[in-house]
Protein backbone atom coordinates (compact mmCIF):
# COMPACT_ATOMS: atom_id res chain seq x y z
CA MET A 1 8.54 -17.56 -14.13
CA GLU A 2 7.03 -14.50 -15.73
CA SER A 3 3.64 -15.12 -14.25
CA ASN A 4 5.24 -15.58 -10.83
CA THR A 5 6.96 -12.18 -11.08
CA GLN A 6 3.76 -10.55 -12.26
CA TYR A 7 1.95 -12.12 -9.23
CA LEU A 8 4.64 -10.74 -6.87
CA GLN A 9 4.41 -7.24 -8.54
CA LYS A 10 0.66 -7.24 -8.00
CA LYS A 11 1.02 -8.34 -4.44
CA VAL A 12 3.66 -5.66 -3.69
CA PHE A 13 1.51 -3.02 -5.39
CA VAL A 14 -1.54 -3.87 -3.33
CA TYR A 15 0.55 -3.95 -0.17
CA TRP A 16 2.11 -0.62 -1.00
CA GLU A 17 -1.33 0.89 -1.61
CA ARG A 18 -2.53 -0.33 1.73
CA ILE A 19 0.45 1.17 3.51
CA ASN A 20 -0.14 4.50 1.71
CA ILE A 21 -3.74 4.55 2.82
CA LEU A 22 -2.78 3.84 6.37
CA LEU A 23 -0.23 6.60 6.29
CA MET A 24 -2.71 9.06 4.87
CA SER A 25 -5.37 8.20 7.48
CA ASN A 26 -2.81 8.48 10.19
CA ARG A 27 -1.76 11.89 8.98
CA ASP A 28 -5.29 13.13 8.78
CA SER A 29 -5.98 11.94 12.31
CA LEU A 30 -2.82 13.73 13.55
CA ARG A 31 -3.93 16.96 11.71
CA GLN A 32 -7.35 16.82 13.37
CA LYS A 33 -5.83 16.85 16.88
C-alpha cells in the first residue's frame, strides 16, 4: 500500500512538473509576440 502511494506521488509530481514546463513555455512564447 505504501509503495503504491509513493508511486502515485511520484507520477503526480512528474506530471505536475510537465504541466508547469508547458505553462512556462507557453507564457514565454506569448511574451515574445
